């Protein structure tokens, strides 16, 4: 389920307050600055620091190439 474009414009990382990148195919919002991926569950972004996953160097490179 895609997230509304208007909602994406106002969402921010809870950790550094910066912009997040949306990857619909991965169901994540990604912060490349701190390499954290926030899950999207049932169309709802879960922007809790405790729910974020650290992203490996390889995965970071893959995501930022897109």
PDB file of N, CA and C in Angstrom:
ATOM      1  N   UNK A   1       0.845  -1.173   0.000  1.00  0.00           N
ATOM      2  CA  UNK A   1       0.000   0.000   0.000  1.00  0.00           C
ATOM      3  C   UNK A   1       0.894   1.241   0.000  1.00  0.00           C
ATOM      4  N   UNK A   2       0.686   2.100  -0.959  1.00  0.00           N
ATOM      5  CA  UNK A   2       1.493   3.313  -1.087  1.00  0.00           C
ATOM      6  C   UNK A   2       1.086   4.350  -0.043  1.00  0.00           C
ATOM      7  N   UNK A   3       2.068   5.113   0.379  1.00  0.00           N
ATOM      8  CA  UNK A   3       1.816   6.202   1.323  1.00  0.00           C
ATOM      9  C   UNK A   3       1.515   7.462   0.525  1.00  0.00           C
ATOM     10  N   UNK A   4       0.574   8.238   0.998  1.00  0.00           N
ATOM     11  CA  UNK A   4       0.170   9.480   0.352  1.00  0.00           C
ATOM     12  C   UNK A   4       1.356  10.442   0.240  1.00  0.00           C
ATOM     13  N   UNK A   5       1.507  11.044  -0.933  1.00  0.00           N
ATOM     14  CA  UNK A   5       2.611  11.969  -1.192  1.00  0.00           C
ATOM     15  C   UNK A   5       2.604  13.158  -0.227  1.00  0.00           C
ATOM     16  N   UNK A   6       1.437  13.668   0.088  1.00  0.00           N
ATOM     17  CA  UNK A   6       1.340  14.806   1.022  1.00  0.00           C
ATOM     18  C   UNK A   6       1.819  14.415   2.417  1.00  0.00           C
ATOM     19  N   UNK A   7       1.519  13.202   2.840  1.00  0.00           N
ATOM     20  CA  UNK A   7       1.981  12.726   4.144  1.00  0.00           C
ATOM     21  C   UNK A   7       3.502  12.608   4.153  1.00  0.00           C
ATOM     22  N   UNK A   8       4.065  12.102   3.077  1.00  0.00           N
ATOM     23  CA  UNK A   8       5.520  11.947   2.995  1.00  0.00           C
ATOM     24  C   UNK A   8       6.245  13.278   3.141  1.00  0.00           C
ATOM     25  N   UNK A   9       5.631  14.351   2.653  1.00  0.00           N
ATOM     26  CA  UNK A   9       6.268  15.664   2.724  1.00  0.00           C
ATOM     27  C   UNK A   9       6.412  16.165   4.158  1.00  0.00           C
ATOM     28  N   UNK A  10       5.570  15.698   5.068  1.00  0.00           N
ATOM     29  CA  UNK A  10       5.633  16.206   6.444  1.00  0.00           C
ATOM     30  C   UNK A  10       6.286  15.234   7.426  1.00  0.00           C
ATOM     31  N   UNK A  11       6.511  13.999   7.008  1.00  0.00           N
ATOM     32  CA  UNK A  11       7.157  13.035   7.900  1.00  0.00           C
ATOM     33  C   UNK A  11       8.641  13.348   8.043  1.00  0.00           C
ATOM     34  N   UNK A  12       9.161  13.126   9.231  1.00  0.00           N
ATOM     35  CA  UNK A  12      10.585  13.355   9.490  1.00  0.00           C
ATOM     36  C   UNK A  12      11.107  12.258  10.408  1.00  0.00           C
ATOM     37  N   UNK A  13      12.392  12.045  10.337  1.00  0.00           N
ATOM     38  CA  UNK A  13      13.042  11.065  11.204  1.00  0.00           C
ATOM     39  C   UNK A  13      12.936  11.529  12.654  1.00  0.00           C
ATOM     40  N   UNK A  14      12.503  10.662  13.550  1.00  0.00           N
ATOM     41  CA  UNK A  14      12.392  11.061  14.955  1.00  0.00           C
ATOM     42  C   UNK A  14      13.751  11.273  15.619  1.00  0.00           C
ATOM     43  N   UNK A  15      14.800  10.749  15.001  1.00  0.00           N
ATOM     44  CA  UNK A  15      16.123  10.854  15.611  1.00  0.00           C
ATOM     45  C   UNK A  15      16.840  12.153  15.228  1.00  0.00           C
ATOM     46  N   UNK A  16      16.904  12.458  13.920  1.00  0.00           N
ATOM     47  CA  UNK A  16      17.613  13.678  13.516  1.00  0.00           C
ATOM     48  C   UNK A  16      16.706  14.735  12.885  1.00  0.00           C
ATOM     49  N   UNK A  17      15.410  14.451  12.835  1.00  0.00           N
ATOM     50  CA  UNK A  17      14.392  15.386  12.322  1.00  0.00           C
ATOM     51  C   UNK A  17      14.537  15.693  10.833  1.00  0.00           C
ATOM     52  N   UNK A  18      15.327  14.886  10.133  1.00  0.00           N
ATOM     53  CA  UNK A  18      15.558  15.094   8.710  1.00  0.00           C
ATOM     54  C   UNK A  18      14.574  14.342   7.833  1.00  0.00           C
ATOM     55  N   UNK A  19      14.700  14.592   6.550  1.00  0.00           N
ATOM     56  CA  UNK A  19      13.851  13.972   5.536  1.00  0.00           C
ATOM     57  C   UNK A  19      14.105  12.471   5.458  1.00  0.00           C
ATOM     58  N   UNK A  20      13.047  11.753   5.125  1.00  0.00           N
ATOM     59  CA  UNK A  20      13.123  10.303   4.957  1.00  0.00           C
ATOM     60  C   UNK A  20      12.868   9.942   3.500  1.00  0.00           C
ATOM     61  N   UNK A  21      13.524   8.905   3.034  1.00  0.00           N
ATOM     62  CA  UNK A  21      13.302   8.392   1.686  1.00  0.00           C
ATOM     63  C   UNK A  21      12.330   7.220   1.768  1.00  0.00           C
ATOM     64  N   UNK A  22      11.371   7.200   0.846  1.00  0.00           N
ATOM     65  CA  UNK A  22      10.342   6.168   0.840  1.00  0.00           C
ATOM     66  C   UNK A  22      10.681   5.106  -0.196  1.00  0.00           C
ATOM     67  N   UNK A  23      10.703   3.853   0.252  1.00  0.00           N
ATOM     68  CA  UNK A  23      10.912   2.713  -0.637  1.00  0.00           C
ATOM     69  C   UNK A  23       9.694   1.803  -0.510  1.00  0.00           C
ATOM     70  N   UNK A  24       8.750   2.000  -1.428  1.00  0.00           N
ATOM     71  CA  UNK A  24       7.487   1.260  -1.373  1.00  0.00           C
ATOM     72  C   UNK A  24       7.712  -0.245  -1.474  1.00  0.00           C
ATOM     73  N   UNK A  25       8.631  -0.671  -2.345  1.00  0.00           N
ATOM     74  CA  UNK A  25       8.869  -2.104  -2.532  1.00  0.00           C
ATOM     75  C   UNK A  25       9.463  -2.769  -1.291  1.00  0.00           C
ATOM     76  N   UNK A  26      10.142  -1.994  -0.449  1.00  0.00           N
ATOM     77  CA  UNK A  26      10.749  -2.526   0.777  1.00  0.00           C
ATOM     78  C   UNK A  26       9.863  -2.280   2.001  1.00  0.00           C
ATOM     79  N   UNK A  27       8.828  -1.464   1.820  1.00  0.00           N
ATOM     80  CA  UNK A  27       7.945  -1.083   2.933  1.00  0.00           C
ATOM     81  C   UNK A  27       8.714  -0.400   4.061  1.00  0.00           C
ATOM     82  N   UNK A  28       9.570   0.554   3.662  1.00  0.00           N
ATOM     83  CA  UNK A  28      10.360   1.281   4.662  1.00  0.00           C
ATOM     84  C   UNK A  28      10.442   2.767   4.326  1.00  0.00           C
ATOM     85  N   UNK A  29      10.713   3.536   5.367  1.00  0.00           N
ATOM     86  CA  UNK A  29      11.161   4.917   5.238  1.00  0.00           C
ATOM     87  C   UNK A  29      12.609   4.892   5.705  1.00  0.00           C
ATOM     88  N   UNK A  30      13.487   5.466   4.894  1.00  0.00           N
ATOM     89  CA  UNK A  30      14.922   5.333   5.161  1.00  0.00           C
ATOM     90  C   UNK A  30      15.590   6.679   5.386  1.00  0.00           C
ATOM     91  N   UNK A  31      16.431   6.724   6.418  1.00  0.00           N
ATOM     92  CA  UNK A  31      17.247   7.898   6.693  1.00  0.00           C
ATOM     93  C   UNK A  31      18.694   7.542   6.336  1.00  0.00           C
ATOM     94  N   UNK A  32      19.185   8.039   5.186  1.00  0.00           N
ATOM     95  CA  UNK A  32      20.542   7.686   4.769  1.00  0.00           C
ATOM     96  C   UNK A  32      21.629   8.356   5.606  1.00  0.00           C
ATOM     97  N   UNK A  33      21.292   9.424   6.296  1.00  0.00           N
ATOM     98  CA  UNK A  33      22.297  10.128   7.096  1.00  0.00           C
ATOM     99  C   UNK A  33      22.739   9.311   8.303  1.00  0.00           C
ATOM    100  N   UNK A  34      21.795   8.608   8.926  1.00  0.00           N
ATOM    101  CA  UNK A  34      22.129   7.797  10.105  1.00  0.00           C
ATOM    102  C   UNK A  34      21.935   6.303   9.841  1.00  0.00           C
ATOM    103  N   UNK A  35      21.578   5.979   8.605  1.00  0.00           N
ATOM    104  CA  UNK A  35      21.423   4.588   8.150  1.00  0.00           C
ATOM    105  C   UNK A  35      20.448   3.792   9.008  1.00  0.00           C
ATOM    106  N   UNK A  36      19.257   4.346   9.110  1.00  0.00           N
ATOM    107  CA  UNK A  36      18.177   3.681   9.843  1.00  0.00           C
ATOM    108  C   UNK A  36      16.972   3.537   8.921  1.00  0.00           C
ATOM    109  N   UNK A  37      16.334   2.369   8.997  1.00  0.00           N
ATOM    110  CA  UNK A  37      15.128   2.098   8.218  1.00  0.00           C
ATOM    111  C   UNK A  37      13.957   1.927   9.176  1.00  0.00           C
ATOM    112  N   UNK A  38      12.899   2.679   8.919  1.00  0.00           N
ATOM    113  CA  UNK A  38      11.689   2.601   9.735  1.00  0.00           C
ATOM    114  C   UNK A  38      10.644   1.791   8.973  1.00  0.00           C
ATOM    115  N   UNK A  39      10.025   0.819   9.623  1.00  0.00           N
ATOM    116  CA  UNK A  39       9.057  -0.031   8.928  1.00  0.00           C
ATOM    117  C   UNK A  39       7.741   0.698   8.656  1.00  0.00           C
ATOM    118  N   UNK A  40       7.058   0.198   7.646  1.00  0.00           N
ATOM    119  CA  UNK A  40       5.688   0.632   7.360  1.00  0.00           C
ATOM    120  C   UNK A  40       4.840  -0.613   7.505  1.00  0.00           C
ATOM    121  N   UNK A  41       3.917  -0.585   8.446  1.00  0.00           N
ATOM    122  CA  UNK A  41       3.075  -1.753   8.720  1.00  0.00           C
ATOM    123  C   UNK A  41       1.619  -1.417   8.434  1.00  0.00           C
ATOM    124  N   UNK A  42       1.027  -2.211   7.556  1.00  0.00           N
ATOM    125  CA  UNK A  42      -0.366  -2.017   7.159  1.00  0.00           C
ATOM    126  C   UNK A  42      -0.612  -0.581   6.712  1.00  0.00           C
ATOM    127  N   UNK A  43       0.369  -0.032   5.976  1.00  0.00           N
ATOM    128  CA  UNK A  43       0.251   1.313   5.433  1.00  0.00           C
ATOM    129  C   UNK A  43       0.549   2.431   6.413  1.00  0.00           C
ATOM    130  N   UNK A  44       0.981   2.084   7.623  1.00  0.00           N
ATOM    131  CA  UNK A  44       1.235   3.090   8.660  1.00  0.00           C
ATOM    132  C   UNK A  44       2.731   3.127   8.976  1.00  0.00           C
ATOM    133  N   UNK A  45       3.373   4.298   8.781  1.00  0.00           N
ATOM    134  CA  UNK A  45       4.788   4.415   9.133  1.00  0.00           C
ATOM    135  C   UNK A  45       4.980   4.292  10.646  1.00  0.00           C
ATOM    136  N   UNK A  46       5.911   3.448  11.049  1.00  0.00           N
ATOM    137  CA  UNK A  46       6.215   3.261  12.471  1.00  0.00           C
ATOM    138  C   UNK A  46       7.504   4.035  12.755  1.00  0.00           C
ATOM    139  N   UNK A  47       7.344   5.284  13.166  1.00  0.00           N
ATOM    140  CA  UNK A  47       8.491   6.165  13.364  1.00  0.00           C
ATOM    141  C   UNK A  47       8.908   6.204  14.829  1.00  0.00           C
ATOM    142  N   UNK A  48       9.225   5.038  15.330  1.00  0.00           N
ATOM    143  CA  UNK A  48       9.731   4.899  16.691  1.00  0.00           C
ATOM    144  C   UNK A  48      11.195   4.490  16.597  1.00  0.00           C
ATOM    145  N   UNK A  49      12.049   5.189  17.310  1.00  0.00           N
ATOM    146  CA  UNK A  49      13.475   4.874  17.274  1.00  0.00           C
ATOM    147  C   UNK A  49      13.716   3.416  17.647  1.00  0.00           C
ATOM    148  N   UNK A  50      12.956   2.934  18.608  1.00  0.00           N
ATOM    149  CA  UNK A  50      13.131   1.543  19.050  1.00  0.00           C
ATOM    150  C   UNK A  50      12.727   0.520  17.986  1.00  0.00           C
ATOM    151  N   UNK A  51      11.949   0.919  16.999  1.00  0.00           N
ATOM    152  CA  UNK A  51      11.514   0.016  15.928  1.00  0.00           C
ATOM    153  C   UNK A  51      12.398   0.113  14.685  1.00  0.00           C
ATOM    154  N   UNK A  52      13.271   1.095  14.627  1.00  0.00           N
ATOM    155  CA  UNK A  52      14.137   1.287  13.460  1.00  0.00           C
ATOM    156  C   UNK A  52      15.184   0.180  13.388  1.00  0.00           C
ATOM    157  N   UNK A  53      15.560  -0.141  12.165  1.00  0.00           N
ATOM    158  CA  UNK A  53      16.600  -1.147  11.952  1.00  0.00           C
ATOM    159  C   UNK A  53      17.848  -0.477  11.400  1.00  0.00           C
ATOM    160  N   UNK A  54      18.993  -0.847  11.938  1.00  0.00           N
ATOM    161  CA  UNK A  54      20.260  -0.372  11.389  1.00  0.00           C
ATOM    162  C   UNK A  54      20.451  -1.003  10.012  1.00  0.00           C
ATOM    163  N   UNK A  55      20.955  -0.223   9.081  1.00  0.00           N
ATOM    164  CA  UNK A  55      21.151  -0.689   7.713  1.00  0.00           C
ATOM    165  C   UNK A  55      22.644  -0.930   7.479  1.00  0.00           C
ATOM    166  N   UNK A  56      22.947  -2.060   6.890  1.00  0.00           N
ATOM    167  CA  UNK A  56      24.345  -2.405   6.600  1.00  0.00           C
ATOM    168  C   UNK A  56      24.902  -1.493   5.513  1.00  0.00           C
ATOM    169  N   UNK A  57      26.211  -1.488   5.404  1.00  0.00           N
ATOM    170  CA  UNK A  57      26.896  -0.706   4.360  1.00  0.00           C
ATOM    171  C   UNK A  57      26.417  -1.137   2.970  1.00  0.00           C
ATOM    172  N   UNK A  58      26.273  -2.445   2.762  1.00  0.00           N
ATOM    173  CA  UNK A  58      25.827  -2.963   1.463  1.00  0.00           C
ATOM    174  C   UNK A  58      24.406  -2.521   1.140  1.00  0.00           C
ATOM    175  N   UNK A  59      23.520  -2.629   2.115  1.00  0.00           N
ATOM    176  CA  UNK A  59      22.127  -2.230   1.900  1.00  0.00           C
ATOM    177  C   UNK A  59      22.037  -0.724   1.681  1.00  0.00           C
ATOM    178  N   UNK A  60      22.811   0.046   2.427  1.00  0.00           N
ATOM    179  CA  UNK A  60      22.843   1.500   2.257  1.00  0.00           C
ATOM    180  C   UNK A  60      23.245   1.854   0.822  1.00  0.00           C
ATOM    181  N   UNK A  61      24.288   1.207   0.324  1.00  0.00           N
ATOM    182  CA  UNK A  61      24.746   1.461  -1.043  1.00  0.00           C
ATOM    183  C   UNK A  61      23.651   1.126  -2.049  1.00  0.00           C
ATOM    184  N   UNK A  62      22.967   0.014  -1.832  1.00  0.00           N
ATOM    185  CA  UNK A  62      21.873  -0.383  -2.734  1.00  0.00           C
ATOM    186  C   UNK A  62      20.752   0.653  -2.723  1.00  0.00           C
ATOM    187  N   UNK A  63      20.341   1.076  -1.548  1.00  0.00           N
ATOM    188  CA  UNK A  63      19.240   2.030  -1.434  1.00  0.00           C
ATOM    189  C   UNK A  63      19.599   3.394  -2.017  1.00  0.00           C
ATOM    190  N   UNK A  64      20.801   3.852  -1.779  1.00  0.00           N
ATOM    191  CA  UNK A  64      21.174   5.186  -2.260  1.00  0.00           C
ATOM    192  C   UNK A  64      21.481   5.210  -3.751  1.00  0.00           C
ATOM    193  N   UNK A  65      21.671   4.047  -4.366  1.00  0.00           N
ATOM    194  CA  UNK A  65      21.854   3.980  -5.827  1.00  0.00           C
ATOM    195  C   UNK A  65      20.540   4.148  -6.567  1.00  0.00           C
ATOM    196  N   UNK A  66      19.449   3.911  -5.926  1.00  0.00           N
ATOM    197  CA  UNK A  66      18.144   3.951  -6.615  1.00  0.00           C
ATOM    198  C   UNK A  66      17.754   5.357  -6.991  1.00  0.00           C
TER     199      UNK A  66
END
